[in-house]
């Protein structure tokens, strides 16, 4: 007889940490592909799966190493941007969003998001030269993070869900459409905070925005 915890049949989280009450289906034009590090799949405070379940036009794939061939084999669309900043001294790509900001509300576009710790996301890039070569979308002037259940290493760091919502707002001007999802995210954070120990755990946020 299995001794594992009962899991929700929809979000696949243990029933105590079920995400379904916080899912807010949100239509956006951009296809979002979330590449989740294997270490994040069972983490109770992970926001990547909540993001995926709330964006009908999204896909979530688990893995650490990604190549152009693996991307094609998964039947994914050509990527438009990788949501990730360039490190100081790293050459810009002519397709970087910061270099050519525009809102394409009806054109086909695909945003790639790494859902991992900051350290593991850098490793994912290091192991995946193809990802390194993608045009980048980097966020600027971001609001303070609402992700209080994980302590940020740097000012301006956001959760995967928050960073993706900020990117979609920049791409599509979708702030009003995303507001219910962010409000539900606040509820998710408050629920997790109520269960967390008094000391906030160190962040596993991948996006230093």
Protein backbone atom coordinates (compact mmCIF):
# COMPACT_ATOMS: atom_id res chain seq x y z
CA UNK A 1 0.00 0.00 0.00
CA UNK A 2 1.34 3.44 -0.92
CA UNK A 3 2.42 5.67 1.96
CA UNK A 4 2.66 8.80 -0.17
CA UNK A 5 0.53 11.86 0.49
CA UNK A 6 -2.74 12.22 -1.39
CA UNK A 7 -2.37 14.55 -4.36
CA UNK A 8 -4.80 16.77 -6.22
CA UNK A 9 -5.67 15.24 -9.59
CA UNK A 10 -5.44 18.63 -11.34
CA UNK A 11 -2.41 20.49 -10.01
CA UNK A 12 -0.65 17.33 -8.73
CA UNK A 13 0.30 19.01 -5.48
CA UNK A 14 -0.26 17.34 -2.11
CA UNK A 15 -3.80 18.17 -1.09
CA UNK A 16 -2.58 20.40 1.76
CA UNK A 17 -0.70 22.52 -0.81
CA UNK A 18 -3.29 22.33 -3.60
CA UNK A 19 -3.00 25.26 -6.02
CA UNK A 20 -6.44 25.02 -7.58
CA UNK A 21 -8.04 27.67 -5.39
CA UNK A 22 -5.50 30.21 -6.64
CA UNK A 23 -5.72 29.47 -10.38
CA UNK A 24 -7.03 32.43 -12.40
CA UNK A 25 -7.32 31.61 -16.13
CA UNK A 26 -5.82 34.60 -17.94
CA UNK A 27 -5.74 35.00 -21.71
CA UNK A 28 -2.62 36.58 -23.21
CA UNK A 29 -1.39 36.71 -26.81
CA UNK A 30 2.14 35.63 -26.04
CA UNK A 31 2.84 31.91 -25.76
CA UNK A 32 4.80 31.33 -22.55
CA UNK A 33 7.07 28.28 -22.31
CA UNK A 34 8.26 27.59 -18.76
CA UNK A 35 11.42 25.50 -18.52
CA UNK A 36 11.36 24.21 -14.96
CA UNK A 37 14.42 22.81 -13.21
CA UNK A 38 13.69 19.33 -11.80
CA UNK A 39 14.44 20.56 -8.27
CA UNK A 40 11.45 22.90 -8.43
CA UNK A 41 8.79 20.34 -9.32
CA UNK A 42 7.99 19.32 -5.74
CA UNK A 43 8.74 22.62 -4.01
CA UNK A 44 5.64 23.86 -2.15
CA UNK A 45 6.50 27.54 -2.69
CA UNK A 46 7.24 27.23 -6.40
CA UNK A 47 5.20 29.63 -8.56
CA UNK A 48 5.92 28.19 -12.01
CA UNK A 49 3.11 25.65 -11.94
CA UNK A 50 0.56 28.18 -10.69
CA UNK A 51 1.62 30.44 -13.55
CA UNK A 52 1.25 27.61 -16.07
CA UNK A 53 -2.18 26.56 -14.81
CA UNK A 54 -3.37 30.18 -14.99
CA UNK A 55 -2.11 30.86 -18.54
CA UNK A 56 -3.99 28.68 -21.06
CA UNK A 57 -1.48 29.77 -23.71
CA UNK A 58 1.50 28.30 -21.84
CA UNK A 59 3.50 25.10 -21.60
CA UNK A 60 5.61 23.75 -18.75
CA UNK A 61 8.49 21.37 -19.40
CA UNK A 62 10.87 19.93 -16.82
CA UNK A 63 14.59 19.57 -17.53
CA UNK A 64 18.02 21.07 -16.97
CA UNK A 65 19.60 20.97 -20.43
CA UNK A 66 17.88 22.35 -23.53
CA UNK A 67 18.99 22.34 -27.15
CA UNK A 68 17.37 23.57 -30.34
CA UNK A 69 16.70 19.95 -31.26
CA UNK A 70 15.04 19.18 -27.92
CA UNK A 71 12.91 22.29 -28.36
CA UNK A 72 11.86 21.21 -31.84
CA UNK A 73 11.22 17.62 -30.71
CA UNK A 74 8.81 18.97 -28.07
CA UNK A 75 6.82 20.69 -30.83
CA UNK A 76 7.46 24.16 -29.45
CA UNK A 77 7.20 27.37 -31.50
CA UNK A 78 10.29 29.38 -32.42
CA UNK A 79 11.28 31.37 -29.31
CA UNK A 80 11.08 35.15 -29.54
CA UNK A 81 12.72 36.11 -26.23
CA UNK A 82 14.27 34.55 -23.14
CA UNK A 83 13.18 36.30 -19.95
CA UNK A 84 16.62 36.81 -18.44
CA UNK A 85 19.02 39.74 -17.96
CA UNK A 86 22.38 40.01 -19.65
CA UNK A 87 25.33 40.05 -17.29
CA UNK A 88 27.62 43.10 -17.31
CA UNK A 89 29.98 42.93 -20.27
CA UNK A 90 27.89 40.38 -22.14
CA UNK A 91 27.24 41.54 -25.73
CA UNK A 92 23.69 42.47 -26.60
CA UNK A 93 21.68 40.61 -29.22
CA UNK A 94 20.01 42.74 -31.94
CA UNK A 95 16.70 41.10 -31.04
CA UNK A 96 16.85 42.00 -27.34
CA UNK A 97 13.58 43.55 -26.20
CA UNK A 98 15.35 46.47 -24.54
CA UNK A 99 16.94 47.33 -27.89
CA UNK A 100 13.66 47.25 -29.81
CA UNK A 101 10.74 47.68 -27.42
CA UNK A 102 7.36 47.12 -29.05
CA UNK A 103 4.00 45.67 -28.15
CA UNK A 104 2.80 42.96 -30.49
CA UNK A 105 -0.64 42.10 -29.21
CA UNK A 106 -1.69 39.94 -32.15
CA UNK A 107 1.57 38.68 -33.65
CA UNK A 108 2.87 35.22 -32.83
CA UNK A 109 5.50 35.51 -30.11
CA UNK A 110 6.97 33.07 -27.62
CA UNK A 111 8.51 34.00 -24.27
CA UNK A 112 10.85 31.46 -22.65
CA UNK A 113 10.99 31.52 -18.83
CA UNK A 114 13.46 29.63 -16.63
CA UNK A 115 11.85 28.42 -13.42
CA UNK A 116 14.75 27.60 -11.12
CA UNK A 117 16.88 29.05 -8.38
CA UNK A 118 19.15 31.87 -9.49
CA UNK A 119 22.17 29.57 -9.22
CA UNK A 120 20.47 26.72 -11.06
CA UNK A 121 19.14 29.00 -13.78
CA UNK A 122 22.70 30.12 -14.52
CA UNK A 123 23.70 26.46 -14.72
CA UNK A 124 20.83 25.80 -17.12
CA UNK A 125 22.16 28.56 -19.36
CA UNK A 126 25.73 27.29 -19.07
CA UNK A 127 24.66 23.79 -20.10
CA UNK A 128 22.42 25.06 -22.90
CA UNK A 129 24.37 27.25 -25.36
CA UNK A 130 21.28 27.44 -27.54
CA UNK A 131 19.41 29.24 -24.74
CA UNK A 132 22.36 31.61 -24.29
CA UNK A 133 22.01 32.71 -27.89
CA UNK A 134 18.34 33.72 -27.68
CA UNK A 135 17.32 37.38 -27.66
CA UNK A 136 16.69 38.55 -24.10
CA UNK A 137 13.85 40.37 -22.44
CA UNK A 138 15.13 42.03 -19.27
CA UNK A 139 12.89 43.91 -16.88
CA UNK A 140 13.63 47.35 -15.48
CA UNK A 141 12.09 49.50 -12.75
CA UNK A 142 10.16 46.57 -11.30
CA UNK A 143 7.96 47.05 -8.22
CA UNK A 144 8.86 45.48 -4.90
CA UNK A 145 8.25 41.75 -4.86
CA UNK A 146 5.18 40.40 -3.10
CA UNK A 147 6.96 37.05 -2.70
CA UNK A 148 7.61 37.43 1.01
CA UNK A 149 7.82 33.68 1.69
CA UNK A 150 11.29 33.60 0.12
CA UNK A 151 13.96 36.10 1.03
CA UNK A 152 15.54 37.79 -1.99
CA UNK A 153 19.31 38.04 -2.31
CA UNK A 154 19.09 41.34 -4.18
CA UNK A 155 16.69 44.24 -4.35
CA UNK A 156 14.27 43.94 -7.24
CA UNK A 157 14.20 40.14 -7.46
CA UNK A 158 10.80 38.71 -8.34
CA UNK A 159 9.21 35.30 -8.32
CA UNK A 160 8.81 33.49 -11.63
CA UNK A 161 5.11 34.35 -11.70
CA UNK A 162 5.69 38.03 -10.92
CA UNK A 163 8.51 38.40 -13.44
CA UNK A 164 6.47 36.76 -16.19
CA UNK A 165 3.48 38.99 -15.46
CA UNK A 166 5.76 42.04 -15.64
CA UNK A 167 7.15 40.84 -18.97
CA UNK A 168 3.67 40.24 -20.39
CA UNK A 169 2.62 43.69 -19.25
CA UNK A 170 5.61 45.18 -21.08
CA UNK A 171 4.92 43.15 -24.22
CA UNK A 172 1.15 43.48 -24.37
CA UNK A 173 0.10 46.16 -21.93
CA UNK A 174 -1.76 43.36 -20.16
CA UNK A 175 -1.69 44.80 -16.65
CA UNK A 176 -5.47 44.84 -16.18
CA UNK A 177 -5.86 41.27 -17.42
CA UNK A 178 -3.09 40.07 -15.09
CA UNK A 179 -4.37 41.85 -11.98
CA UNK A 180 -6.66 38.97 -10.84
CA UNK A 181 -3.78 36.50 -11.17
CA UNK A 182 -1.48 38.71 -9.09
CA UNK A 183 -4.23 39.15 -6.49
CA UNK A 184 -4.60 35.35 -6.29
CA UNK A 185 -0.82 35.10 -6.02
CA UNK A 186 -1.03 37.33 -2.94
CA UNK A 187 -3.49 34.84 -1.44
CA UNK A 188 -1.18 31.94 -2.24
CA UNK A 189 1.72 33.72 -0.56
CA UNK A 190 -0.38 34.52 2.52
CA UNK A 191 -1.44 30.87 2.79
CA UNK A 192 2.14 29.65 2.53
CA UNK A 193 3.30 32.29 5.00
CA UNK A 194 0.78 31.03 7.55
CA UNK A 195 2.33 27.55 7.30
CA UNK A 196 5.96 28.69 7.16
CA UNK A 197 8.33 28.79 10.15
CA UNK A 198 9.04 32.17 11.68
CA UNK A 199 12.33 32.47 9.82
CA UNK A 200 11.85 33.09 6.10
CA UNK A 201 13.79 30.62 3.99
CA UNK A 202 16.49 31.71 1.57
CA UNK A 203 15.22 32.54 -1.89
CA UNK A 204 15.25 30.13 -4.78
CA UNK A 205 14.12 32.83 -7.17
CA UNK A 206 15.84 32.67 -10.56
CA UNK A 207 15.13 36.13 -11.91
CA UNK A 208 17.17 39.07 -10.55
CA UNK A 209 14.82 41.77 -11.82
